[in-house]
N, C-alpha and C. Protein backbone atom coordinates (compact mmCIF):
# COMPACT_ATOMS: atom_id res chain seq x y z
N UNK A 1 0.81 -1.19 0.00
CA UNK A 1 0.00 0.00 0.00
C UNK A 1 0.86 1.26 0.00
N UNK A 2 1.92 1.21 0.82
CA UNK A 2 2.81 2.37 0.88
C UNK A 2 3.52 2.55 -0.46
N UNK A 3 3.94 1.42 -1.07
CA UNK A 3 4.59 1.50 -2.38
C UNK A 3 3.66 2.07 -3.43
N UNK A 4 2.35 1.80 -3.30
CA UNK A 4 1.37 2.34 -4.23
C UNK A 4 1.32 3.86 -4.12
N UNK A 5 1.31 4.38 -2.88
CA UNK A 5 1.30 5.82 -2.68
C UNK A 5 2.61 6.45 -3.17
N UNK A 6 3.73 5.77 -2.92
CA UNK A 6 5.02 6.29 -3.37
C UNK A 6 5.08 6.35 -4.89
N UNK A 7 4.56 5.31 -5.56
CA UNK A 7 4.58 5.32 -7.02
C UNK A 7 3.63 6.39 -7.55
N UNK A 8 2.54 6.65 -6.84
CA UNK A 8 1.59 7.68 -7.25
C UNK A 8 2.21 9.07 -7.12
N UNK A 9 2.97 9.28 -6.05
CA UNK A 9 3.60 10.57 -5.82
C UNK A 9 4.94 10.72 -6.57
N UNK A 10 5.35 9.67 -7.22
CA UNK A 10 6.60 9.72 -7.98
C UNK A 10 7.82 9.44 -7.13
N UNK A 11 7.61 8.98 -5.93
CA UNK A 11 8.74 8.66 -5.06
C UNK A 11 9.11 7.20 -5.27
N UNK A 12 10.34 6.92 -5.48
CA UNK A 12 10.77 5.54 -5.64
C UNK A 12 11.90 5.28 -4.66
N UNK A 13 12.10 4.03 -4.34
CA UNK A 13 13.22 3.74 -3.44
C UNK A 13 14.53 4.22 -4.06
N UNK A 14 15.44 4.67 -3.21
CA UNK A 14 16.70 5.19 -3.72
C UNK A 14 17.43 4.12 -4.51
N UNK A 15 17.83 4.52 -5.71
CA UNK A 15 18.56 3.60 -6.55
C UNK A 15 20.05 3.93 -6.45
N UNK A 16 20.80 2.88 -6.40
CA UNK A 16 22.24 3.04 -6.29
C UNK A 16 22.81 3.35 -7.67
N UNK A 17 23.53 4.45 -7.80
CA UNK A 17 24.16 4.77 -9.08
C UNK A 17 25.66 4.64 -8.93
N UNK A 18 26.27 4.09 -9.95
CA UNK A 18 27.71 3.93 -9.94
C UNK A 18 28.32 4.87 -10.96
N UNK A 19 29.33 5.59 -10.53
CA UNK A 19 30.04 6.49 -11.41
C UNK A 19 31.04 5.68 -12.22
N UNK A 20 30.97 5.80 -13.54
CA UNK A 20 31.84 5.01 -14.41
C UNK A 20 33.19 5.67 -14.66
N UNK A 21 33.31 6.95 -14.32
CA UNK A 21 34.57 7.62 -14.60
C UNK A 21 35.60 7.22 -13.56
N UNK A 22 36.78 6.83 -14.02
CA UNK A 22 37.81 6.41 -13.06
C UNK A 22 38.45 7.61 -12.37
N UNK A 23 38.98 7.38 -11.19
CA UNK A 23 39.73 8.41 -10.50
C UNK A 23 41.11 8.53 -11.11
N UNK A 24 41.83 9.56 -10.71
CA UNK A 24 43.18 9.78 -11.25
C UNK A 24 44.16 10.04 -10.12
N UNK A 25 45.34 9.52 -10.31
CA UNK A 25 46.46 9.90 -9.46
C UNK A 25 47.48 10.56 -10.38
N UNK A 26 48.20 11.52 -9.85
CA UNK A 26 49.13 12.28 -10.66
C UNK A 26 50.49 12.26 -9.99
N UNK A 27 51.50 11.79 -10.70
CA UNK A 27 52.84 11.68 -10.16
C UNK A 27 53.79 12.46 -11.06
N UNK A 28 54.36 13.52 -10.53
CA UNK A 28 55.30 14.32 -11.31
C UNK A 28 56.72 13.97 -10.89
N UNK A 29 57.52 13.61 -11.87
CA UNK A 29 58.92 13.27 -11.63
C UNK A 29 59.74 14.55 -11.75
N UNK A 30 60.38 14.95 -10.67
CA UNK A 30 61.16 16.18 -10.67
C UNK A 30 62.57 15.90 -11.17
N UNK A 31 62.90 16.50 -12.29
CA UNK A 31 64.22 16.31 -12.88
C UNK A 31 64.95 17.64 -13.06
N UNK A 32 64.34 18.72 -12.66
CA UNK A 32 64.92 20.05 -12.86
C UNK A 32 64.09 20.82 -13.86
N UNK A 33 64.20 22.15 -13.80
CA UNK A 33 63.39 23.00 -14.67
C UNK A 33 63.88 23.06 -16.10
N UNK A 34 65.17 22.81 -16.33
CA UNK A 34 65.75 22.99 -17.65
C UNK A 34 66.37 21.70 -18.16
N UNK A 35 66.46 21.59 -19.48
CA UNK A 35 67.07 20.41 -20.11
C UNK A 35 68.54 20.32 -19.72
N UNK A 36 69.25 21.41 -19.79
CA UNK A 36 70.64 21.46 -19.34
C UNK A 36 70.67 22.04 -17.93
N UNK A 37 71.78 22.61 -17.56
CA UNK A 37 71.89 23.27 -16.26
C UNK A 37 72.00 24.77 -16.48
N UNK A 38 71.38 25.55 -15.64
CA UNK A 38 71.48 27.01 -15.71
C UNK A 38 72.40 27.52 -14.61
N UNK A 39 73.34 26.72 -14.23
CA UNK A 39 74.29 27.08 -13.19
C UNK A 39 75.52 27.69 -13.87
N UNK A 40 75.90 28.92 -13.49
CA UNK A 40 77.04 29.56 -14.17
C UNK A 40 78.38 28.85 -13.92
N UNK A 41 78.48 28.05 -12.87
CA UNK A 41 79.74 27.36 -12.59
C UNK A 41 79.72 25.91 -13.07
N UNK A 42 78.68 25.53 -13.80
CA UNK A 42 78.58 24.15 -14.30
C UNK A 42 79.58 23.91 -15.42
N UNK A 43 80.23 22.80 -15.35
CA UNK A 43 81.19 22.42 -16.40
C UNK A 43 80.44 21.73 -17.53
N UNK A 44 81.04 21.66 -18.71
CA UNK A 44 80.37 20.96 -19.83
C UNK A 44 80.04 19.50 -19.50
N UNK A 45 80.88 18.85 -18.70
CA UNK A 45 80.60 17.46 -18.31
C UNK A 45 79.38 17.37 -17.41
N UNK A 46 79.22 18.34 -16.50
CA UNK A 46 78.05 18.36 -15.61
C UNK A 46 76.77 18.58 -16.42
N UNK A 47 76.85 19.48 -17.39
CA UNK A 47 75.68 19.77 -18.24
C UNK A 47 75.31 18.55 -19.07
N UNK A 48 76.30 17.91 -19.64
CA UNK A 48 76.07 16.71 -20.45
C UNK A 48 75.44 15.59 -19.62
N UNK A 49 75.93 15.41 -18.38
CA UNK A 49 75.39 14.38 -17.49
C UNK A 49 73.94 14.69 -17.10
N UNK A 50 73.64 15.97 -16.82
CA UNK A 50 72.27 16.36 -16.46
C UNK A 50 71.31 16.08 -17.61
N UNK A 51 71.73 16.39 -18.83
CA UNK A 51 70.88 16.12 -20.01
C UNK A 51 70.66 14.63 -20.18
N UNK A 52 71.72 13.85 -20.05
CA UNK A 52 71.61 12.41 -20.23
C UNK A 52 70.74 11.78 -19.15
N UNK A 53 70.80 12.30 -17.93
CA UNK A 53 69.96 11.79 -16.84
C UNK A 53 68.47 11.98 -17.16
N UNK A 54 68.11 13.13 -17.73
CA UNK A 54 66.71 13.37 -18.10
C UNK A 54 66.25 12.39 -19.18
N UNK A 55 67.10 12.20 -20.20
CA UNK A 55 66.75 11.28 -21.29
C UNK A 55 66.63 9.85 -20.76
N UNK A 56 67.55 9.45 -19.87
CA UNK A 56 67.49 8.11 -19.28
C UNK A 56 66.21 7.91 -18.49
N UNK A 57 65.79 8.93 -17.75
CA UNK A 57 64.56 8.85 -16.94
C UNK A 57 63.34 8.73 -17.85
N UNK A 58 63.34 9.45 -18.96
CA UNK A 58 62.23 9.37 -19.92
C UNK A 58 62.12 7.95 -20.47
N UNK A 59 63.24 7.38 -20.84
CA UNK A 59 63.24 6.03 -21.40
C UNK A 59 62.92 4.98 -20.35
N UNK A 60 63.41 5.17 -19.13
CA UNK A 60 63.17 4.22 -18.05
C UNK A 60 61.69 4.13 -17.70
N UNK A 61 61.03 5.28 -17.63
CA UNK A 61 59.61 5.31 -17.26
C UNK A 61 58.68 5.02 -18.44
N UNK A 62 59.18 5.13 -19.66
CA UNK A 62 58.35 4.87 -20.83
C UNK A 62 57.32 5.95 -21.09
N UNK A 63 57.60 7.19 -20.68
CA UNK A 63 56.66 8.28 -20.92
C UNK A 63 56.76 8.72 -22.38
N UNK A 64 55.66 9.22 -22.90
CA UNK A 64 55.56 9.61 -24.31
C UNK A 64 55.43 11.13 -24.42
N UNK A 65 55.88 11.71 -25.54
CA UNK A 65 55.73 13.16 -25.73
C UNK A 65 54.25 13.53 -25.83
N UNK A 66 53.84 14.53 -25.05
CA UNK A 66 52.43 14.91 -25.05
C UNK A 66 52.20 16.38 -25.43
N UNK A 67 52.72 17.30 -24.63
CA UNK A 67 52.40 18.71 -24.81
C UNK A 67 53.66 19.55 -24.95
N UNK A 68 53.49 20.69 -25.60
CA UNK A 68 54.60 21.60 -25.86
C UNK A 68 54.04 23.02 -25.84
N UNK A 69 54.78 23.91 -25.25
CA UNK A 69 54.40 25.33 -25.30
C UNK A 69 55.66 26.14 -25.53
N UNK A 70 55.65 26.90 -26.61
CA UNK A 70 56.80 27.73 -26.96
C UNK A 70 56.76 29.05 -26.21
N UNK A 71 57.93 29.54 -25.82
CA UNK A 71 58.06 30.89 -25.29
C UNK A 71 58.37 31.78 -26.49
N UNK A 72 57.55 32.78 -26.68
CA UNK A 72 57.73 33.67 -27.82
C UNK A 72 58.08 35.06 -27.31
N UNK A 73 59.04 35.67 -27.94
CA UNK A 73 59.44 37.04 -27.58
C UNK A 73 59.38 37.89 -28.83
N UNK A 74 58.89 39.13 -28.67
CA UNK A 74 58.82 40.06 -29.81
C UNK A 74 60.18 40.69 -30.03
N UNK A 75 60.51 40.85 -31.31
CA UNK A 75 61.74 41.54 -31.65
C UNK A 75 61.54 43.03 -31.38
N UNK A 76 62.56 43.69 -30.86
CA UNK A 76 62.43 45.13 -30.61
C UNK A 76 62.16 45.89 -31.91
N UNK A 77 61.16 46.76 -31.87
CA UNK A 77 60.84 47.58 -33.03
C UNK A 77 59.99 46.91 -34.08
N UNK A 78 59.50 45.70 -33.84
CA UNK A 78 58.62 45.04 -34.82
C UNK A 78 57.61 44.16 -34.08
N UNK A 79 56.60 43.73 -34.83
CA UNK A 79 55.58 42.87 -34.24
C UNK A 79 55.89 41.39 -34.43
N UNK A 80 57.02 41.09 -35.05
CA UNK A 80 57.40 39.70 -35.32
C UNK A 80 57.87 39.02 -34.03
N UNK A 81 57.41 37.78 -33.83
CA UNK A 81 57.79 37.02 -32.64
C UNK A 81 58.81 35.95 -33.00
N UNK A 82 59.74 35.70 -32.08
CA UNK A 82 60.70 34.61 -32.26
C UNK A 82 60.54 33.64 -31.10
N UNK A 83 60.86 32.39 -31.35
CA UNK A 83 60.77 31.35 -30.33
C UNK A 83 62.09 31.33 -29.56
N UNK A 84 62.01 31.44 -28.24
CA UNK A 84 63.23 31.44 -27.43
C UNK A 84 63.42 30.14 -26.66
N UNK A 85 62.34 29.41 -26.41
CA UNK A 85 62.44 28.16 -25.66
C UNK A 85 61.14 27.37 -25.84
N UNK A 86 61.15 26.14 -25.35
CA UNK A 86 59.95 25.30 -25.38
C UNK A 86 59.83 24.56 -24.06
N UNK A 87 58.64 24.56 -23.49
CA UNK A 87 58.34 23.77 -22.29
C UNK A 87 57.72 22.47 -22.78
N UNK A 88 58.41 21.35 -22.57
CA UNK A 88 57.94 20.06 -23.07
C UNK A 88 57.43 19.20 -21.92
N UNK A 89 56.40 18.42 -22.21
CA UNK A 89 55.79 17.55 -21.21
C UNK A 89 55.69 16.14 -21.78
N UNK A 90 56.23 15.19 -21.06
CA UNK A 90 56.11 13.77 -21.38
C UNK A 90 55.18 13.15 -20.35
N UNK A 91 54.22 12.34 -20.79
CA UNK A 91 53.28 11.70 -19.87
C UNK A 91 53.05 10.24 -20.24
N UNK A 92 52.60 9.50 -19.23
CA UNK A 92 52.19 8.12 -19.43
C UNK A 92 50.96 7.90 -18.55
N UNK A 93 49.93 7.29 -19.12
CA UNK A 93 48.74 6.95 -18.35
C UNK A 93 48.61 5.44 -18.28
N UNK A 94 48.40 4.92 -17.07
CA UNK A 94 48.21 3.49 -16.86
C UNK A 94 46.89 3.28 -16.13
N UNK A 95 46.08 2.38 -16.65
CA UNK A 95 44.79 2.08 -16.03
C UNK A 95 44.94 0.91 -15.07
N UNK A 96 44.42 1.07 -13.87
CA UNK A 96 44.47 0.03 -12.84
C UNK A 96 43.05 -0.52 -12.66
N UNK A 97 42.81 -1.75 -13.15
CA UNK A 97 41.49 -2.37 -13.05
C UNK A 97 41.06 -2.57 -11.60
N UNK A 98 41.99 -2.95 -10.77
CA UNK A 98 41.67 -3.28 -9.38
C UNK A 98 41.14 -2.06 -8.63
N UNK A 99 41.78 -0.92 -8.81
CA UNK A 99 41.37 0.29 -8.09
C UNK A 99 40.48 1.20 -8.92
N UNK A 100 40.26 0.84 -10.20
CA UNK A 100 39.46 1.66 -11.11
C UNK A 100 40.03 3.09 -11.13
N UNK A 101 41.35 3.18 -11.38
CA UNK A 101 42.06 4.45 -11.36
C UNK A 101 42.95 4.56 -12.60
N UNK A 102 43.22 5.79 -12.99
CA UNK A 102 44.21 6.06 -14.02
C UNK A 102 45.38 6.74 -13.33
N UNK A 103 46.55 6.15 -13.47
CA UNK A 103 47.76 6.71 -12.87
C UNK A 103 48.53 7.46 -13.96
N UNK A 104 48.73 8.76 -13.75
CA UNK A 104 49.43 9.60 -14.72
C UNK A 104 50.83 9.90 -14.19
N UNK A 105 51.84 9.62 -14.99
CA UNK A 105 53.23 9.94 -14.65
C UNK A 105 53.70 11.01 -15.63
N UNK A 106 54.36 12.06 -15.11
CA UNK A 106 54.75 13.18 -15.96
C UNK A 106 56.17 13.63 -15.67
N UNK A 107 56.88 13.99 -16.74
CA UNK A 107 58.17 14.65 -16.66
C UNK A 107 58.08 15.89 -17.55
N UNK A 108 58.49 17.05 -17.04
CA UNK A 108 58.47 18.25 -17.86
C UNK A 108 59.68 19.13 -17.54
N UNK A 109 60.13 19.85 -18.55
CA UNK A 109 61.24 20.78 -18.38
C UNK A 109 61.29 21.71 -19.58
N UNK A 110 62.16 22.72 -19.49
CA UNK A 110 62.29 23.72 -20.54
C UNK A 110 63.54 23.43 -21.36
N UNK A 111 63.38 23.51 -22.68
CA UNK A 111 64.49 23.33 -23.60
C UNK A 111 64.72 24.67 -24.31
N UNK A 112 65.93 25.22 -24.20
CA UNK A 112 66.20 26.50 -24.87
C UNK A 112 66.36 26.28 -26.37
N UNK A 113 66.19 27.33 -27.12
CA UNK A 113 66.24 27.25 -28.58
C UNK A 113 67.56 26.68 -29.08
N UNK A 114 68.64 27.00 -28.41
CA UNK A 114 69.96 26.51 -28.82
C UNK A 114 70.08 25.00 -28.68
N UNK A 115 69.24 24.40 -27.84
CA UNK A 115 69.34 22.97 -27.55
C UNK A 115 68.28 22.13 -28.26
N UNK A 116 67.47 22.73 -29.14
CA UNK A 116 66.38 22.00 -29.80
C UNK A 116 66.90 20.77 -30.54
N UNK A 117 67.89 20.95 -31.40
CA UNK A 117 68.39 19.83 -32.20
C UNK A 117 69.00 18.74 -31.33
N UNK A 118 69.78 19.15 -30.35
CA UNK A 118 70.41 18.17 -29.45
C UNK A 118 69.35 17.38 -28.69
N UNK A 119 68.33 18.07 -28.21
CA UNK A 119 67.24 17.41 -27.48
C UNK A 119 66.52 16.41 -28.38
N UNK A 120 66.20 16.81 -29.61
CA UNK A 120 65.51 15.92 -30.54
C UNK A 120 66.32 14.66 -30.81
N UNK A 121 67.64 14.83 -30.99
CA UNK A 121 68.50 13.68 -31.25
C UNK A 121 68.59 12.76 -30.04
N UNK A 122 68.77 13.34 -28.86
CA UNK A 122 68.94 12.52 -27.65
C UNK A 122 67.65 11.81 -27.27
N UNK A 123 66.51 12.50 -27.39
CA UNK A 123 65.23 11.92 -26.97
C UNK A 123 64.57 11.10 -28.08
N UNK A 124 65.00 11.29 -29.32
CA UNK A 124 64.39 10.56 -30.43
C UNK A 124 62.99 11.04 -30.75
N UNK A 125 62.74 12.34 -30.57
CA UNK A 125 61.43 12.93 -30.85
C UNK A 125 61.60 14.15 -31.75
N UNK A 126 60.49 14.59 -32.34
CA UNK A 126 60.46 15.82 -33.12
C UNK A 126 59.52 16.79 -32.42
N UNK A 127 60.00 17.98 -32.13
CA UNK A 127 59.18 18.95 -31.40
C UNK A 127 57.91 19.30 -32.15
N UNK A 128 57.99 19.50 -33.45
CA UNK A 128 56.83 19.94 -34.22
C UNK A 128 55.87 18.81 -34.57
N UNK A 129 56.34 17.56 -34.55
CA UNK A 129 55.49 16.45 -34.98
C UNK A 129 54.93 15.63 -33.82
N UNK A 130 55.71 15.41 -32.77
CA UNK A 130 55.33 14.47 -31.72
C UNK A 130 54.57 15.10 -30.55
N UNK A 131 54.65 16.41 -30.40
CA UNK A 131 54.00 17.09 -29.27
C UNK A 131 52.79 17.88 -29.75
N UNK A 132 51.80 18.04 -28.88
CA UNK A 132 50.65 18.89 -29.17
C UNK A 132 51.00 20.30 -28.70
N UNK A 133 50.96 21.27 -29.61
CA UNK A 133 51.32 22.65 -29.30
C UNK A 133 50.16 23.34 -28.59
N UNK A 134 50.34 23.66 -27.32
CA UNK A 134 49.28 24.29 -26.54
C UNK A 134 49.08 25.75 -26.89
N UNK A 135 50.04 26.37 -27.55
CA UNK A 135 49.89 27.76 -27.98
C UNK A 135 48.76 27.88 -28.98
N UNK A 136 48.66 26.92 -29.89
CA UNK A 136 47.60 26.94 -30.89
C UNK A 136 46.23 26.77 -30.24
N UNK A 137 46.16 25.95 -29.19
CA UNK A 137 44.90 25.74 -28.49
C UNK A 137 44.48 27.02 -27.79
N UNK A 138 45.42 27.68 -27.13
CA UNK A 138 45.12 28.93 -26.42
C UNK A 138 44.70 30.02 -27.39
N UNK A 139 45.40 30.09 -28.53
CA UNK A 139 45.11 31.11 -29.53
C UNK A 139 43.70 30.92 -30.10
N UNK A 140 43.25 29.67 -30.21
CA UNK A 140 41.94 29.38 -30.79
C UNK A 140 40.80 29.67 -29.82
N UNK A 141 41.11 29.76 -28.52
CA UNK A 141 40.07 30.00 -27.51
C UNK A 141 39.58 31.43 -27.62
N UNK A 142 38.28 31.61 -27.77
CA UNK A 142 37.72 32.94 -27.92
C UNK A 142 36.79 33.30 -26.77
N UNK A 143 36.82 32.52 -25.70
CA UNK A 143 35.94 32.79 -24.57
C UNK A 143 36.48 33.88 -23.67
N UNK A 144 35.71 34.19 -22.64
CA UNK A 144 36.09 35.23 -21.69
C UNK A 144 37.06 34.65 -20.66
N UNK A 145 38.09 35.39 -20.35
CA UNK A 145 39.08 34.96 -19.35
C UNK A 145 38.48 35.16 -17.96
N UNK A 146 38.52 34.11 -17.14
CA UNK A 146 37.92 34.18 -15.80
C UNK A 146 38.95 34.43 -14.71
N UNK A 147 40.22 34.29 -15.02
CA UNK A 147 41.25 34.52 -14.00
C UNK A 147 41.40 36.00 -13.72
N UNK A 148 41.59 36.34 -12.46
CA UNK A 148 41.83 37.73 -12.10
C UNK A 148 43.31 38.06 -12.20
N UNK A 149 44.16 37.06 -11.97
CA UNK A 149 45.61 37.24 -12.09
C UNK A 149 46.12 36.27 -13.13
N UNK A 150 47.12 36.65 -13.90
CA UNK A 150 47.66 35.71 -14.89
C UNK A 150 48.34 34.53 -14.21
N UNK A 151 48.26 33.38 -14.85
CA UNK A 151 48.88 32.16 -14.33
C UNK A 151 50.40 32.31 -14.39
N UNK A 152 51.10 31.98 -13.31
CA UNK A 152 52.57 32.07 -13.35
C UNK A 152 53.13 31.02 -14.31
N UNK A 153 54.22 31.36 -14.96
CA UNK A 153 54.81 30.46 -15.94
C UNK A 153 56.31 30.49 -15.83
N UNK A 154 56.92 29.32 -15.95
CA UNK A 154 58.38 29.25 -15.97
C UNK A 154 58.92 29.92 -17.22
N UNK A 155 58.18 29.85 -18.29
CA UNK A 155 58.66 30.38 -19.56
C UNK A 155 58.77 31.90 -19.55
N UNK A 156 57.92 32.59 -18.81
CA UNK A 156 57.95 34.04 -18.79
C UNK A 156 59.21 34.55 -18.10
N UNK A 157 59.72 33.78 -17.16
CA UNK A 157 60.91 34.19 -16.43
C UNK A 157 62.20 33.76 -17.11
N UNK A 158 62.08 33.11 -18.25
CA UNK A 158 63.26 32.61 -18.94
C UNK A 158 64.09 33.75 -19.48
N UNK A 159 65.36 33.75 -19.12
CA UNK A 159 66.26 34.79 -19.60
C UNK A 159 66.81 34.40 -20.95
N UNK A 160 67.14 35.40 -21.73
CA UNK A 160 67.77 35.15 -23.02
C UNK A 160 69.13 34.51 -22.78
N UNK A 161 69.42 33.48 -23.51
CA UNK A 161 70.70 32.78 -23.37
C UNK A 161 71.63 33.18 -24.49
């Protein structure tokens, strides 16, 4: 009788709903902000070792090239922009059936323009082909900006080398 009244009023027993979207864990591997070293007292051997350590970590973890954002600077006296560096991001996503989670592993750092070719050779990637350029995504966005303060960026603080 009570169920009849509940069905008449549109009340039904609570149904259990399961969310199908998996949770995420995010693990960032800290290898330094730059591909080389920005230490003025660093020797060429120290710089070479630091670069090789980053490449070894990328290969060890099996992360893939994902995102890229170029730092662009305007030439004095003109509207033409030049690329001074690139912030590269390597990621790997692994799905865990037992926990119904996606585990994301990430390595990111800045590569200066002078090191583009060396980086491509050491990592076995192409900056223009293997990474998704986030500058193009941002440029295509025509919505209203909701941030009151600009997002801090490592690229904005990059000094000319």
